[in-house]
């Protein structure tokens, strides 16, 4: 009986790993919003990591989060280290490329709760009613992420955070 249960568990584990291995090797998540403000108003709120507190959904995960800023605010090479509770985790975000007022590229290095190294990109483009701001993240999809992805829709989860953040950024940028 115990041998049969063991064999069944091994077969199920094998099937799970096979399904996970067939998932894409990379991922991309993206959300956009139109903000009734010029790109020049919105851009500094993203490019300067010190200005993320009022709009970033991740800042709200742990009000006691430890934060350390390095480098010149709003310049390439500026970084932001945080360490917080189990929801906020621990990691570093580094500004890699700035193309004012249309594009910001950052490196996100998560250490906890799950290690990950991803590229974050913000694009600001003219739109009929102001500026279309797109928040995107892309990176490798390692086996652990593939397994998690079988049970949780990461695009929906992270996309919801991006939507919340963009809505808060919209409120901040449109405030008179």
C-alpha atoms as a PDB file:
ATOM      1  CA  UNK A   1       0.000   0.000   0.000  1.00  0.00           C
ATOM      2  CA  UNK A   2       2.761   2.466   0.977  1.00  0.00           C
ATOM      3  CA  UNK A   3       4.658   1.573  -2.181  1.00  0.00           C
ATOM      4  CA  UNK A   4       1.563   2.292  -4.311  1.00  0.00           C
ATOM      5  CA  UNK A   5       1.048   5.694  -2.652  1.00  0.00           C
ATOM      6  CA  UNK A   6       4.720   6.512  -3.218  1.00  0.00           C
ATOM      7  CA  UNK A   7       4.485   5.589  -6.894  1.00  0.00           C
ATOM      8  CA  UNK A   8       1.326   7.684  -7.327  1.00  0.00           C
ATOM      9  CA  UNK A   9       3.013  10.665  -5.671  1.00  0.00           C
ATOM     10  CA  UNK A  10       6.078  10.312  -7.908  1.00  0.00           C
ATOM     11  CA  UNK A  11       3.881  10.131 -11.023  1.00  0.00           C
ATOM     12  CA  UNK A  12       1.947  13.229  -9.918  1.00  0.00           C
ATOM     13  CA  UNK A  13       5.178  15.106  -9.177  1.00  0.00           C
ATOM     14  CA  UNK A  14       6.550  14.090 -12.568  1.00  0.00           C
ATOM     15  CA  UNK A  15       3.366  15.278 -14.298  1.00  0.00           C
ATOM     16  CA  UNK A  16       3.530  18.587 -12.413  1.00  0.00           C
ATOM     17  CA  UNK A  17       7.165  19.141 -13.385  1.00  0.00           C
ATOM     18  CA  UNK A  18       6.424  18.194 -16.996  1.00  0.00           C
ATOM     19  CA  UNK A  19       3.535  20.690 -17.169  1.00  0.00           C
ATOM     20  CA  UNK A  20       5.671  23.384 -15.539  1.00  0.00           C
ATOM     21  CA  UNK A  21       8.584  22.749 -17.909  1.00  0.00           C
ATOM     22  CA  UNK A  22       6.296  23.470 -20.863  1.00  0.00           C
ATOM     23  CA  UNK A  23       5.581  26.999 -19.631  1.00  0.00           C
ATOM     24  CA  UNK A  24       7.381  29.893 -21.394  1.00  0.00           C
ATOM     25  CA  UNK A  25      10.985  30.597 -20.354  1.00  0.00           C
ATOM     26  CA  UNK A  26      10.283  34.332 -20.079  1.00  0.00           C
ATOM     27  CA  UNK A  27       7.380  36.459 -18.883  1.00  0.00           C
ATOM     28  CA  UNK A  28       6.072  39.937 -19.573  1.00  0.00           C
ATOM     29  CA  UNK A  29       3.435  41.867 -17.650  1.00  0.00           C
ATOM     30  CA  UNK A  30       2.166  45.259 -18.781  1.00  0.00           C
ATOM     31  CA  UNK A  31      -0.560  47.744 -17.841  1.00  0.00           C
ATOM     32  CA  UNK A  32      -1.358  51.262 -19.096  1.00  0.00           C
ATOM     33  CA  UNK A  33      -3.393  54.286 -18.112  1.00  0.00           C
ATOM     34  CA  UNK A  34      -4.004  57.692 -19.681  1.00  0.00           C
ATOM     35  CA  UNK A  35      -3.191  60.529 -17.302  1.00  0.00           C
ATOM     36  CA  UNK A  36      -4.526  64.032 -17.945  1.00  0.00           C
ATOM     37  CA  UNK A  37      -1.136  65.649 -17.430  1.00  0.00           C
ATOM     38  CA  UNK A  38       1.946  66.280 -19.550  1.00  0.00           C
ATOM     39  CA  UNK A  39       4.775  63.736 -19.510  1.00  0.00           C
ATOM     40  CA  UNK A  40       7.021  66.380 -17.932  1.00  0.00           C
ATOM     41  CA  UNK A  41       4.770  66.358 -14.830  1.00  0.00           C
ATOM     42  CA  UNK A  42       4.562  62.561 -14.574  1.00  0.00           C
ATOM     43  CA  UNK A  43       8.142  61.629 -15.461  1.00  0.00           C
ATOM     44  CA  UNK A  44       9.864  62.881 -12.250  1.00  0.00           C
ATOM     45  CA  UNK A  45       7.349  60.994 -10.085  1.00  0.00           C
ATOM     46  CA  UNK A  46       8.671  57.773 -11.638  1.00  0.00           C
ATOM     47  CA  UNK A  47      12.323  58.589 -12.370  1.00  0.00           C
ATOM     48  CA  UNK A  48      13.032  59.765  -8.801  1.00  0.00           C
ATOM     49  CA  UNK A  49      12.675  56.715  -6.529  1.00  0.00           C
ATOM     50  CA  UNK A  50      12.149  59.058  -3.552  1.00  0.00           C
ATOM     51  CA  UNK A  51       8.801  60.011  -5.108  1.00  0.00           C
ATOM     52  CA  UNK A  52       7.374  56.478  -5.240  1.00  0.00           C
ATOM     53  CA  UNK A  53       5.892  56.483  -1.718  1.00  0.00           C
ATOM     54  CA  UNK A  54       2.663  58.362  -2.589  1.00  0.00           C
ATOM     55  CA  UNK A  55       1.727  56.129  -5.517  1.00  0.00           C
ATOM     56  CA  UNK A  56       3.500  52.744  -5.455  1.00  0.00           C
ATOM     57  CA  UNK A  57       1.292  49.873  -4.230  1.00  0.00           C
ATOM     58  CA  UNK A  58       4.391  48.128  -2.892  1.00  0.00           C
ATOM     59  CA  UNK A  59       5.117  50.970  -0.465  1.00  0.00           C
ATOM     60  CA  UNK A  60       1.816  50.225   1.288  1.00  0.00           C
ATOM     61  CA  UNK A  61       2.681  46.582   2.032  1.00  0.00           C
ATOM     62  CA  UNK A  62       4.741  47.479   5.113  1.00  0.00           C
ATOM     63  CA  UNK A  63       4.586  50.960   6.675  1.00  0.00           C
ATOM     64  CA  UNK A  64       7.646  50.044   8.796  1.00  0.00           C
ATOM     65  CA  UNK A  65       9.706  49.002   5.794  1.00  0.00           C
ATOM     66  CA  UNK A  66      13.414  49.863   5.992  1.00  0.00           C
ATOM     67  CA  UNK A  67      14.517  51.926   2.959  1.00  0.00           C
ATOM     68  CA  UNK A  68      17.944  53.061   1.813  1.00  0.00           C
ATOM     69  CA  UNK A  69      18.420  55.349  -1.197  1.00  0.00           C
ATOM     70  CA  UNK A  70      21.743  55.655  -3.041  1.00  0.00           C
ATOM     71  CA  UNK A  71      22.912  57.816  -5.911  1.00  0.00           C
ATOM     72  CA  UNK A  72      21.588  61.031  -7.381  1.00  0.00           C
ATOM     73  CA  UNK A  73      17.755  61.159  -7.332  1.00  0.00           C
ATOM     74  CA  UNK A  74      16.299  60.942 -10.826  1.00  0.00           C
ATOM     75  CA  UNK A  75      19.612  59.908 -12.415  1.00  0.00           C
ATOM     76  CA  UNK A  76      20.874  56.658 -13.901  1.00  0.00           C
ATOM     77  CA  UNK A  77      22.512  54.555 -11.202  1.00  0.00           C
ATOM     78  CA  UNK A  78      20.209  55.764  -8.421  1.00  0.00           C
ATOM     79  CA  UNK A  79      18.971  52.843  -6.354  1.00  0.00           C
ATOM     80  CA  UNK A  80      16.495  51.972  -3.669  1.00  0.00           C
ATOM     81  CA  UNK A  81      16.990  49.078  -1.241  1.00  0.00           C
ATOM     82  CA  UNK A  82      14.100  47.915   0.926  1.00  0.00           C
ATOM     83  CA  UNK A  83      13.583  45.289   3.569  1.00  0.00           C
ATOM     84  CA  UNK A  84      10.143  44.691   4.989  1.00  0.00           C
ATOM     85  CA  UNK A  85       7.649  42.151   6.221  1.00  0.00           C
ATOM     86  CA  UNK A  86       6.850  38.920   4.354  1.00  0.00           C
ATOM     87  CA  UNK A  87       4.548  40.788   1.945  1.00  0.00           C
ATOM     88  CA  UNK A  88       7.037  43.538   1.074  1.00  0.00           C
ATOM     89  CA  UNK A  89      10.043  41.251   0.966  1.00  0.00           C
ATOM     90  CA  UNK A  90      13.547  42.502   0.318  1.00  0.00           C
ATOM     91  CA  UNK A  91      15.263  43.779  -2.782  1.00  0.00           C
ATOM     92  CA  UNK A  92      16.842  46.570  -4.759  1.00  0.00           C
ATOM     93  CA  UNK A  93      15.602  48.677  -7.647  1.00  0.00           C
ATOM     94  CA  UNK A  94      18.191  50.518  -9.734  1.00  0.00           C
ATOM     95  CA  UNK A  95      17.550  53.151 -12.401  1.00  0.00           C
ATOM     96  CA  UNK A  96      19.364  51.952 -15.533  1.00  0.00           C
ATOM     97  CA  UNK A  97      18.304  54.232 -18.361  1.00  0.00           C
ATOM     98  CA  UNK A  98      16.505  57.561 -18.575  1.00  0.00           C
ATOM     99  CA  UNK A  99      15.105  59.131 -21.726  1.00  0.00           C
ATOM    100  CA  UNK A 100      13.253  62.213 -20.448  1.00  0.00           C
ATOM    101  CA  UNK A 101      10.323  62.566 -20.630  1.00  0.00           C
ATOM    102  CA  UNK A 102       9.389  59.345 -22.424  1.00  0.00           C
ATOM    103  CA  UNK A 103      11.132  56.270 -20.971  1.00  0.00           C
ATOM    104  CA  UNK A 104      12.603  54.938 -17.732  1.00  0.00           C
ATOM    105  CA  UNK A 105      14.240  51.514 -17.428  1.00  0.00           C
ATOM    106  CA  UNK A 106      15.057  49.934 -14.061  1.00  0.00           C
ATOM    107  CA  UNK A 107      16.574  46.720 -12.776  1.00  0.00           C
ATOM    108  CA  UNK A 108      14.512  44.985 -10.076  1.00  0.00           C
ATOM    109  CA  UNK A 109      16.428  42.469  -7.966  1.00  0.00           C
ATOM    110  CA  UNK A 110      14.151  40.685  -5.501  1.00  0.00           C
ATOM    111  CA  UNK A 111      15.877  38.755  -2.733  1.00  0.00           C
ATOM    112  CA  UNK A 112      12.820  37.732  -0.672  1.00  0.00           C
ATOM    113  CA  UNK A 113      10.280  36.190  -0.580  1.00  0.00           C
ATOM    114  CA  UNK A 114      11.351  34.662  -3.926  1.00  0.00           C
ATOM    115  CA  UNK A 115      14.552  35.643  -5.681  1.00  0.00           C
ATOM    116  CA  UNK A 116      14.047  37.227  -9.071  1.00  0.00           C
ATOM    117  CA  UNK A 117      15.878  39.582 -11.420  1.00  0.00           C
ATOM    118  CA  UNK A 118      13.628  41.511 -13.778  1.00  0.00           C
ATOM    119  CA  UNK A 119      13.568  44.597 -15.971  1.00  0.00           C
ATOM    120  CA  UNK A 120      10.992  47.301 -15.213  1.00  0.00           C
ATOM    121  CA  UNK A 121      10.100  49.798 -17.907  1.00  0.00           C
ATOM    122  CA  UNK A 122       7.892  52.871 -17.901  1.00  0.00           C
ATOM    123  CA  UNK A 123       6.928  54.412 -21.229  1.00  0.00           C
ATOM    124  CA  UNK A 124       5.196  57.785 -21.495  1.00  0.00           C
ATOM    125  CA  UNK A 125       3.554  58.583 -24.831  1.00  0.00           C
ATOM    126  CA  UNK A 126       1.285  61.406 -25.950  1.00  0.00           C
ATOM    127  CA  UNK A 127      -2.409  60.494 -25.880  1.00  0.00           C
ATOM    128  CA  UNK A 128      -5.579  62.397 -26.801  1.00  0.00           C
ATOM    129  CA  UNK A 129      -6.378  63.322 -23.220  1.00  0.00           C
ATOM    130  CA  UNK A 130      -2.802  63.650 -21.911  1.00  0.00           C
ATOM    131  CA  UNK A 131      -0.109  61.001 -21.538  1.00  0.00           C
ATOM    132  CA  UNK A 132      -0.368  57.216 -21.801  1.00  0.00           C
ATOM    133  CA  UNK A 133       1.824  55.684 -19.096  1.00  0.00           C
ATOM    134  CA  UNK A 134       2.728  52.013 -19.513  1.00  0.00           C
ATOM    135  CA  UNK A 135       4.292  50.049 -16.649  1.00  0.00           C
ATOM    136  CA  UNK A 136       5.907  46.796 -17.801  1.00  0.00           C
ATOM    137  CA  UNK A 137       8.011  44.079 -16.228  1.00  0.00           C
ATOM    138  CA  UNK A 138       9.809  41.288 -18.033  1.00  0.00           C
ATOM    139  CA  UNK A 139      12.276  38.617 -17.100  1.00  0.00           C
ATOM    140  CA  UNK A 140      13.206  34.962 -16.942  1.00  0.00           C
ATOM    141  CA  UNK A 141      10.624  32.428 -15.843  1.00  0.00           C
ATOM    142  CA  UNK A 142      12.609  29.829 -13.823  1.00  0.00           C
ATOM    143  CA  UNK A 143      11.183  26.426 -12.927  1.00  0.00           C
ATOM    144  CA  UNK A 144       9.902  27.533  -9.495  1.00  0.00           C
ATOM    145  CA  UNK A 145       7.983  30.412 -11.111  1.00  0.00           C
ATOM    146  CA  UNK A 146       6.615  28.031 -13.730  1.00  0.00           C
ATOM    147  CA  UNK A 147       5.331  25.686 -11.015  1.00  0.00           C
ATOM    148  CA  UNK A 148       3.754  28.590  -9.088  1.00  0.00           C
ATOM    149  CA  UNK A 149       2.237  29.791 -12.366  1.00  0.00           C
ATOM    150  CA  UNK A 150       0.315  26.522 -12.669  1.00  0.00           C
ATOM    151  CA  UNK A 151      -1.654  27.456  -9.544  1.00  0.00           C
ATOM    152  CA  UNK A 152      -1.653  31.278  -9.589  1.00  0.00           C
ATOM    153  CA  UNK A 153      -2.058  33.700 -12.476  1.00  0.00           C
ATOM    154  CA  UNK A 154       0.970  35.968 -12.033  1.00  0.00           C
ATOM    155  CA  UNK A 155      -0.171  38.342 -14.792  1.00  0.00           C
ATOM    156  CA  UNK A 156      -3.425  38.932 -12.920  1.00  0.00           C
ATOM    157  CA  UNK A 157      -1.741  39.308  -9.521  1.00  0.00           C
ATOM    158  CA  UNK A 158       1.108  41.602 -10.547  1.00  0.00           C
ATOM    159  CA  UNK A 159      -1.064  43.310 -13.148  1.00  0.00           C
ATOM    160  CA  UNK A 160      -3.508  44.287 -10.390  1.00  0.00           C
ATOM    161  CA  UNK A 161      -0.627  45.892  -8.463  1.00  0.00           C
ATOM    162  CA  UNK A 162       0.400  47.787 -11.607  1.00  0.00           C
ATOM    163  CA  UNK A 163      -3.198  48.936 -12.145  1.00  0.00           C
ATOM    164  CA  UNK A 164      -3.448  50.156  -8.538  1.00  0.00           C
ATOM    165  CA  UNK A 165      -0.098  51.950  -8.803  1.00  0.00           C
ATOM    166  CA  UNK A 166      -0.996  53.604 -12.093  1.00  0.00           C
ATOM    167  CA  UNK A 167      -4.349  54.741 -10.644  1.00  0.00           C
ATOM    168  CA  UNK A 168      -2.514  56.308  -7.681  1.00  0.00           C
ATOM    169  CA  UNK A 169       0.059  57.888 -10.012  1.00  0.00           C
ATOM    170  CA  UNK A 170      -2.833  59.301 -12.063  1.00  0.00           C
ATOM    171  CA  UNK A 171      -4.387  60.826  -8.931  1.00  0.00           C
ATOM    172  CA  UNK A 172      -1.032  62.330  -7.900  1.00  0.00           C
ATOM    173  CA  UNK A 173      -0.219  63.725 -11.341  1.00  0.00           C
ATOM    174  CA  UNK A 174      -3.694  65.149 -11.951  1.00  0.00           C
ATOM    175  CA  UNK A 175      -3.942  66.863  -8.538  1.00  0.00           C
ATOM    176  CA  UNK A 176      -4.071  70.615  -8.937  1.00  0.00           C
END
